[in-house]
Amino acid sequence: MVNNPFAAAQYFHIVMNAITEHLMGVSIEKGRVKSKPGVLGLVRSYFGSVESQGRGNLHCHLLIWLANTPDNSEMADLLKTSEFRERLREYIRRTISADVIGLSEERAIAKKHAHPHPMFRRPPDPDDPHFATIALDYERSHVECSQFHDCGFAHPARSPCLVRHRYGQYTCKRRAPWPLSDDVVVDESGNYLVK
């Protein structure tokens, strides 16, 4: 990327177009913006800003407005009904995973940089009879490489996520450790816990 920022920007543009068109359902055809239901539903509008990280990697922050969604007061009323909270629990259960089968903290810390990131490997073939096992191994490998959060309380001065307060105590700026739950929980205020 450092050697060819133009190629990096072109690649980023291709990836962002693929995300907006194939995941969000938004495309530009003959100067007109068209929207069809995507993975989140029908997009009414979106706004994104692109930034570069310290090493020159481009990334985007997107804000998406979905069509036919409740406003704040309607959402507060809906969260008071058990039926809506159950639908929300089911949606979270199907789309967010905070648990990986067969992963332990010790294994993740030991293997954090021990093998190549799964992003640099060929994706598994969905037609493979062992696809479920291979996909789980990829997920576990991804968590071990980049998603596992280790605050480093053993060496707090060298840990990038620890913030020292004026009384000398360290806390994680990402608010780890996160609360654990045996199941997805959604309360009437909209607070939720993921399994």
C-alpha atoms as a PDB file:
ATOM      1  CA  MET A   1       0.000   0.000   0.000  1.00  0.00           C
ATOM      2  CA  VAL A   2       2.801   2.376   0.825  1.00  0.00           C
ATOM      3  CA  ASN A   3       4.474   1.621  -2.505  1.00  0.00           C
ATOM      4  CA  ASN A   4       1.305   2.073  -4.562  1.00  0.00           C
ATOM      5  CA  PRO A   5      -1.410   4.118  -2.822  1.00  0.00           C
ATOM      6  CA  PHE A   6      -3.320   4.544  -6.096  1.00  0.00           C
ATOM      7  CA  ALA A   7      -3.741   0.760  -6.468  1.00  0.00           C
ATOM      8  CA  ALA A   8      -4.778   0.567  -2.797  1.00  0.00           C
ATOM      9  CA  ALA A   9      -7.424   3.260  -3.372  1.00  0.00           C
ATOM     10  CA  GLN A  10      -8.696   1.467  -6.482  1.00  0.00           C
ATOM     11  CA  TYR A  11      -8.959  -1.822  -4.607  1.00  0.00           C
ATOM     12  CA  PHE A  12     -10.730  -0.113  -1.693  1.00  0.00           C
ATOM     13  CA  HIS A  13     -13.186   1.474  -4.159  1.00  0.00           C
ATOM     14  CA  ILE A  14     -13.985  -1.961  -5.660  1.00  0.00           C
ATOM     15  CA  VAL A  15     -14.537  -3.463  -2.199  1.00  0.00           C
ATOM     16  CA  MET A  16     -16.779  -0.587  -1.052  1.00  0.00           C
ATOM     17  CA  ASN A  17     -18.856  -0.820  -4.254  1.00  0.00           C
ATOM     18  CA  ALA A  18     -19.273  -4.562  -3.649  1.00  0.00           C
ATOM     19  CA  ILE A  19     -20.398  -3.911  -0.054  1.00  0.00           C
ATOM     20  CA  THR A  20     -22.903  -1.209  -1.001  1.00  0.00           C
ATOM     21  CA  GLU A  21     -24.293  -3.114  -3.979  1.00  0.00           C
ATOM     22  CA  HIS A  22     -24.320  -6.720  -2.795  1.00  0.00           C
ATOM     23  CA  LEU A  23     -24.720  -6.380   0.979  1.00  0.00           C
ATOM     24  CA  MET A  24     -26.633  -3.121   1.331  1.00  0.00           C
ATOM     25  CA  GLY A  25     -28.576  -3.445  -1.955  1.00  0.00           C
ATOM     26  CA  VAL A  26     -27.692   0.075  -3.169  1.00  0.00           C
ATOM     27  CA  SER A  27     -26.443   0.601  -6.721  1.00  0.00           C
ATOM     28  CA  ILE A  28     -25.899   3.498  -9.097  1.00  0.00           C
ATOM     29  CA  GLU A  29     -27.215   2.893 -12.611  1.00  0.00           C
ATOM     30  CA  LYS A  30     -27.073   5.571 -15.299  1.00  0.00           C
ATOM     31  CA  GLY A  31     -26.639   8.336 -12.737  1.00  0.00           C
ATOM     32  CA  ARG A  32     -29.592   7.171 -10.588  1.00  0.00           C
ATOM     33  CA  VAL A  33     -29.359   5.580  -7.166  1.00  0.00           C
ATOM     34  CA  LYS A  34     -31.428   2.409  -6.824  1.00  0.00           C
ATOM     35  CA  SER A  35     -32.106   0.493  -3.632  1.00  0.00           C
ATOM     36  CA  LYS A  36     -33.388  -3.017  -3.078  1.00  0.00           C
ATOM     37  CA  PRO A  37     -33.525  -4.983   0.190  1.00  0.00           C
ATOM     38  CA  GLY A  38     -30.050  -6.008   1.374  1.00  0.00           C
ATOM     39  CA  VAL A  39     -28.822  -7.935   4.402  1.00  0.00           C
ATOM     40  CA  LEU A  40     -30.042  -5.178   6.756  1.00  0.00           C
ATOM     41  CA  GLY A  41     -33.302  -4.464   4.909  1.00  0.00           C
ATOM     42  CA  LEU A  42     -34.180  -1.626   2.545  1.00  0.00           C
ATOM     43  CA  VAL A  43     -31.677   1.232   2.795  1.00  0.00           C
ATOM     44  CA  ARG A  44     -33.305   4.659   2.680  1.00  0.00           C
ATOM     45  CA  SER A  45     -30.047   6.604   2.862  1.00  0.00           C
ATOM     46  CA  TYR A  46     -26.427   6.208   3.889  1.00  0.00           C
ATOM     47  CA  PHE A  47     -23.397   8.352   4.545  1.00  0.00           C
ATOM     48  CA  GLY A  48     -19.793   7.271   4.735  1.00  0.00           C
ATOM     49  CA  SER A  49     -16.435   8.876   5.334  1.00  0.00           C
ATOM     50  CA  VAL A  50     -13.128   7.290   4.368  1.00  0.00           C
ATOM     51  CA  GLU A  51     -10.033   7.565   6.547  1.00  0.00           C
ATOM     52  CA  SER A  52      -6.551   6.149   6.347  1.00  0.00           C
ATOM     53  CA  GLN A  53      -4.830   4.471   9.263  1.00  0.00           C
ATOM     54  CA  GLY A  54      -1.218   5.041  10.250  1.00  0.00           C
ATOM     55  CA  ARG A  55       0.068   2.468   7.768  1.00  0.00           C
ATOM     56  CA  GLY A  56      -2.031   3.888   4.928  1.00  0.00           C
ATOM     57  CA  ASN A  57      -4.842   1.319   5.096  1.00  0.00           C
ATOM     58  CA  LEU A  58      -8.124   2.881   4.001  1.00  0.00           C
ATOM     59  CA  HIS A  59     -11.259   2.209   6.033  1.00  0.00           C
ATOM     60  CA  CYS A  60     -14.788   3.571   5.985  1.00  0.00           C
ATOM     61  CA  HIS A  61     -17.251   4.615   8.683  1.00  0.00           C
ATOM     62  CA  LEU A  62     -20.831   4.168   7.462  1.00  0.00           C
ATOM     63  CA  LEU A  63     -24.077   5.496   8.882  1.00  0.00           C
ATOM     64  CA  ILE A  64     -27.099   3.749   7.369  1.00  0.00           C
ATOM     65  CA  TRP A  65     -30.776   4.752   7.614  1.00  0.00           C
ATOM     66  CA  LEU A  66     -33.170   1.869   6.979  1.00  0.00           C
ATOM     67  CA  ALA A  67     -36.654   2.305   5.537  1.00  0.00           C
ATOM     68  CA  ASN A  68     -39.737   1.388   7.583  1.00  0.00           C
ATOM     69  CA  THR A  69     -37.960   1.430  10.930  1.00  0.00           C
ATOM     70  CA  PRO A  70     -39.389   2.833  14.167  1.00  0.00           C
ATOM     71  CA  ASP A  71     -38.228   6.192  15.502  1.00  0.00           C
ATOM     72  CA  ASN A  72     -36.903   6.616  19.070  1.00  0.00           C
ATOM     73  CA  SER A  73     -40.294   6.917  20.797  1.00  0.00           C
ATOM     74  CA  GLU A  74     -41.761   3.969  18.859  1.00  0.00           C
ATOM     75  CA  MET A  75     -38.677   1.885  19.683  1.00  0.00           C
ATOM     76  CA  ALA A  76     -39.041   2.695  23.400  1.00  0.00           C
ATOM     77  CA  ASP A  77     -42.670   1.525  23.282  1.00  0.00           C
ATOM     78  CA  LEU A  78     -41.791  -1.621  21.323  1.00  0.00           C
ATOM     79  CA  LEU A  79     -39.044  -2.576  23.793  1.00  0.00           C
ATOM     80  CA  LYS A  80     -41.648  -2.715  26.550  1.00  0.00           C
ATOM     81  CA  THR A  81     -43.426  -5.604  24.764  1.00  0.00           C
ATOM     82  CA  SER A  82     -42.106  -9.109  25.325  1.00  0.00           C
ATOM     83  CA  GLU A  83     -42.902 -10.123  21.709  1.00  0.00           C
ATOM     84  CA  PHE A  84     -40.611  -7.444  20.253  1.00  0.00           C
ATOM     85  CA  ARG A  85     -37.822  -8.194  22.728  1.00  0.00           C
ATOM     86  CA  GLU A  86     -38.065 -11.875  21.775  1.00  0.00           C
ATOM     87  CA  ARG A  87     -37.768 -10.965  18.064  1.00  0.00           C
ATOM     88  CA  LEU A  88     -34.765  -8.790  18.896  1.00  0.00           C
ATOM     89  CA  ARG A  89     -33.204 -11.606  20.921  1.00  0.00           C
ATOM     90  CA  GLU A  90     -33.650 -13.974  17.988  1.00  0.00           C
ATOM     91  CA  TYR A  91     -32.090 -11.447  15.585  1.00  0.00           C
ATOM     92  CA  ILE A  92     -29.080 -10.972  17.875  1.00  0.00           C
ATOM     93  CA  ARG A  93     -28.789 -14.735  18.362  1.00  0.00           C
ATOM     94  CA  ARG A  94     -28.622 -15.244  14.569  1.00  0.00           C
ATOM     95  CA  THR A  95     -26.314 -12.339  13.685  1.00  0.00           C
ATOM     96  CA  ILE A  96     -23.892 -11.736  16.590  1.00  0.00           C
ATOM     97  CA  SER A  97     -21.616 -14.348  18.072  1.00  0.00           C
ATOM     98  CA  ALA A  98     -19.443 -13.671  21.097  1.00  0.00           C
ATOM     99  CA  ASP A  99     -18.598 -17.320  21.693  1.00  0.00           C
ATOM    100  CA  VAL A 100     -16.379 -19.632  19.660  1.00  0.00           C
ATOM    101  CA  ILE A 101     -16.598 -23.376  20.272  1.00  0.00           C
ATOM    102  CA  GLY A 102     -13.280 -24.886  21.360  1.00  0.00           C
ATOM    103  CA  LEU A 103     -11.517 -21.603  22.099  1.00  0.00           C
ATOM    104  CA  SER A 104      -9.863 -21.004  25.424  1.00  0.00           C
ATOM    105  CA  GLU A 105      -8.112 -17.874  26.654  1.00  0.00           C
ATOM    106  CA  GLU A 106      -4.778 -19.681  27.033  1.00  0.00           C
ATOM    107  CA  ARG A 107      -4.976 -21.141  23.518  1.00  0.00           C
ATOM    108  CA  ALA A 108      -5.871 -17.765  21.990  1.00  0.00           C
ATOM    109  CA  ILE A 109      -3.011 -15.930  23.736  1.00  0.00           C
ATOM    110  CA  ALA A 110      -0.522 -18.645  22.726  1.00  0.00           C
ATOM    111  CA  LYS A 111      -1.656 -18.709  19.087  1.00  0.00           C
ATOM    112  CA  LYS A 112      -2.403 -15.030  18.561  1.00  0.00           C
ATOM    113  CA  HIS A 113       0.435 -14.642  16.030  1.00  0.00           C
ATOM    114  CA  ALA A 114       1.395 -18.296  15.579  1.00  0.00           C
ATOM    115  CA  HIS A 115      -0.208 -18.924  12.179  1.00  0.00           C
ATOM    116  CA  PRO A 116      -1.200 -16.886   9.113  1.00  0.00           C
ATOM    117  CA  HIS A 117      -4.355 -14.827   9.313  1.00  0.00           C
ATOM    118  CA  PRO A 118      -7.310 -16.650   7.693  1.00  0.00           C
ATOM    119  CA  MET A 119      -7.803 -13.645   5.413  1.00  0.00           C
ATOM    120  CA  PHE A 120      -4.659 -14.744   3.546  1.00  0.00           C
ATOM    121  CA  ARG A 121      -5.958 -18.274   2.962  1.00  0.00           C
ATOM    122  CA  ARG A 122      -8.357 -19.534   0.332  1.00  0.00           C
ATOM    123  CA  PRO A 123     -11.931 -19.600   1.717  1.00  0.00           C
ATOM    124  CA  PRO A 124     -13.421 -23.042   2.378  1.00  0.00           C
ATOM    125  CA  ASP A 125     -15.538 -24.678  -0.316  1.00  0.00           C
ATOM    126  CA  PRO A 126     -19.231 -24.737   0.758  1.00  0.00           C
ATOM    127  CA  ASP A 127     -19.679 -27.985  -1.217  1.00  0.00           C
ATOM    128  CA  ASP A 128     -17.003 -29.753   0.821  1.00  0.00           C
ATOM    129  CA  PRO A 129     -18.650 -32.452   2.982  1.00  0.00           C
ATOM    130  CA  HIS A 130     -16.587 -31.195   5.955  1.00  0.00           C
ATOM    131  CA  PHE A 131     -17.476 -27.522   5.375  1.00  0.00           C
ATOM    132  CA  ALA A 132     -18.995 -26.968   8.843  1.00  0.00           C
ATOM    133  CA  THR A 133     -15.841 -28.209  10.589  1.00  0.00           C
ATOM    134  CA  ILE A 134     -13.530 -26.245   8.262  1.00  0.00           C
ATOM    135  CA  ALA A 135     -15.599 -23.054   8.660  1.00  0.00           C
ATOM    136  CA  LEU A 136     -15.487 -23.391  12.464  1.00  0.00           C
ATOM    137  CA  ASP A 137     -11.700 -23.804  12.264  1.00  0.00           C
ATOM    138  CA  TYR A 138     -11.489 -20.609  10.147  1.00  0.00           C
ATOM    139  CA  GLU A 139     -13.650 -18.740  12.658  1.00  0.00           C
ATOM    140  CA  ARG A 140     -11.530 -19.946  15.572  1.00  0.00           C
ATOM    141  CA  SER A 141      -8.353 -19.033  13.685  1.00  0.00           C
ATOM    142  CA  HIS A 142      -9.671 -15.537  12.940  1.00  0.00           C
ATOM    143  CA  VAL A 143     -10.504 -14.950  16.603  1.00  0.00           C
ATOM    144  CA  GLU A 144      -7.081 -16.205  17.661  1.00  0.00           C
ATOM    145  CA  CYS A 145      -5.313 -13.940  15.151  1.00  0.00           C
ATOM    146  CA  SER A 146      -7.153 -10.665  15.500  1.00  0.00           C
ATOM    147  CA  GLN A 147     -10.339 -10.719  17.544  1.00  0.00           C
ATOM    148  CA  PHE A 148      -9.111 -11.952  20.903  1.00  0.00           C
ATOM    149  CA  HIS A 149      -8.604  -9.063  23.311  1.00  0.00           C
ATOM    150  CA  ASP A 150      -5.803  -9.363  25.842  1.00  0.00           C
ATOM    151  CA  CYS A 151      -5.435  -6.217  27.960  1.00  0.00           C
ATOM    152  CA  GLY A 152      -1.940  -7.050  29.123  1.00  0.00           C
ATOM    153  CA  PHE A 153      -2.362  -6.209  32.806  1.00  0.00           C
ATOM    154  CA  ALA A 154       0.976  -8.005  33.387  1.00  0.00           C
ATOM    155  CA  HIS A 155       2.751  -5.089  31.635  1.00  0.00           C
ATOM    156  CA  PRO A 156       0.254  -2.194  31.813  1.00  0.00           C
ATOM    157  CA  ALA A 157       2.731   0.500  30.720  1.00  0.00           C
ATOM    158  CA  ARG A 158       3.240  -1.303  27.385  1.00  0.00           C
ATOM    159  CA  SER A 159      -0.406  -2.146  26.731  1.00  0.00           C
ATOM    160  CA  PRO A 160      -2.059   0.108  24.113  1.00  0.00           C
ATOM    161  CA  CYS A 161      -5.571  -0.388  25.502  1.00  0.00           C
ATOM    162  CA  LEU A 162      -4.949   0.383  29.172  1.00  0.00           C
ATOM    163  CA  VAL A 163      -5.550   3.883  30.469  1.00  0.00           C
ATOM    164  CA  ARG A 164      -4.032   5.016  33.760  1.00  0.00           C
ATOM    165  CA  HIS A 165      -6.282   7.075  35.991  1.00  0.00           C
ATOM    166  CA  ARG A 166      -5.051   9.779  38.334  1.00  0.00           C
ATOM    167  CA  TYR A 167      -5.095   7.371  41.303  1.00  0.00           C
ATOM    168  CA  GLY A 168      -2.765   4.938  39.511  1.00  0.00           C
ATOM    169  CA  GLN A 169      -5.379   2.350  38.527  1.00  0.00           C
ATOM    170  CA  TYR A 170      -5.500   0.947  35.001  1.00  0.00           C
ATOM    171  CA  THR A 171      -8.698   0.214  33.082  1.00  0.00           C
ATOM    172  CA  CYS A 172      -9.259  -0.988  29.539  1.00  0.00           C
ATOM    173  CA  LYS A 173     -10.382   1.761  27.165  1.00  0.00           C
ATOM    174  CA  ARG A 174     -12.430  -0.904  25.332  1.00  0.00           C
ATOM    175  CA  ARG A 175     -14.181  -1.685  28.645  1.00  0.00           C
ATOM    176  CA  ALA A 176     -12.951  -5.287  28.865  1.00  0.00           C
ATOM    177  CA  PRO A 177     -13.628  -7.688  30.469  1.00  0.00           C
ATOM    178  CA  TRP A 178     -17.095  -7.723  29.021  1.00  0.00           C
ATOM    179  CA  PRO A 179     -20.039  -9.210  30.885  1.00  0.00           C
ATOM    180  CA  LEU A 180     -20.773 -12.853  30.068  1.00  0.00           C
ATOM    181  CA  SER A 181     -24.199 -14.394  29.607  1.00  0.00           C
ATOM    182  CA  ASP A 182     -25.501 -17.933  29.143  1.00  0.00           C
ATOM    183  CA  ASP A 183     -28.016 -16.664  26.586  1.00  0.00           C
ATOM    184  CA  VAL A 184     -28.956 -13.479  24.735  1.00  0.00           C
ATOM    185  CA  VAL A 185     -30.693 -11.014  27.067  1.00  0.00           C
ATOM    186  CA  VAL A 186     -32.570  -7.843  26.035  1.00  0.00           C
ATOM    187  CA  ASP A 187     -34.127  -5.557  28.640  1.00  0.00           C
ATOM    188  CA  GLU A 188     -36.835  -2.901  28.318  1.00  0.00           C
ATOM    189  CA  SER A 189     -34.248  -0.118  27.971  1.00  0.00           C
ATOM    190  CA  GLY A 190     -32.665  -1.769  24.931  1.00  0.00           C
ATOM    191  CA  ASN A 191     -29.546  -2.948  26.771  1.00  0.00           C
ATOM    192  CA  TYR A 192     -28.483  -6.414  25.679  1.00  0.00           C
ATOM    193  CA  LEU A 193     -26.012  -9.171  26.499  1.00  0.00           C
ATOM    194  CA  VAL A 194     -24.740 -11.626  23.900  1.00  0.00           C
ATOM    195  CA  LYS A 195     -24.030 -15.271  24.632  1.00  0.00           C
END
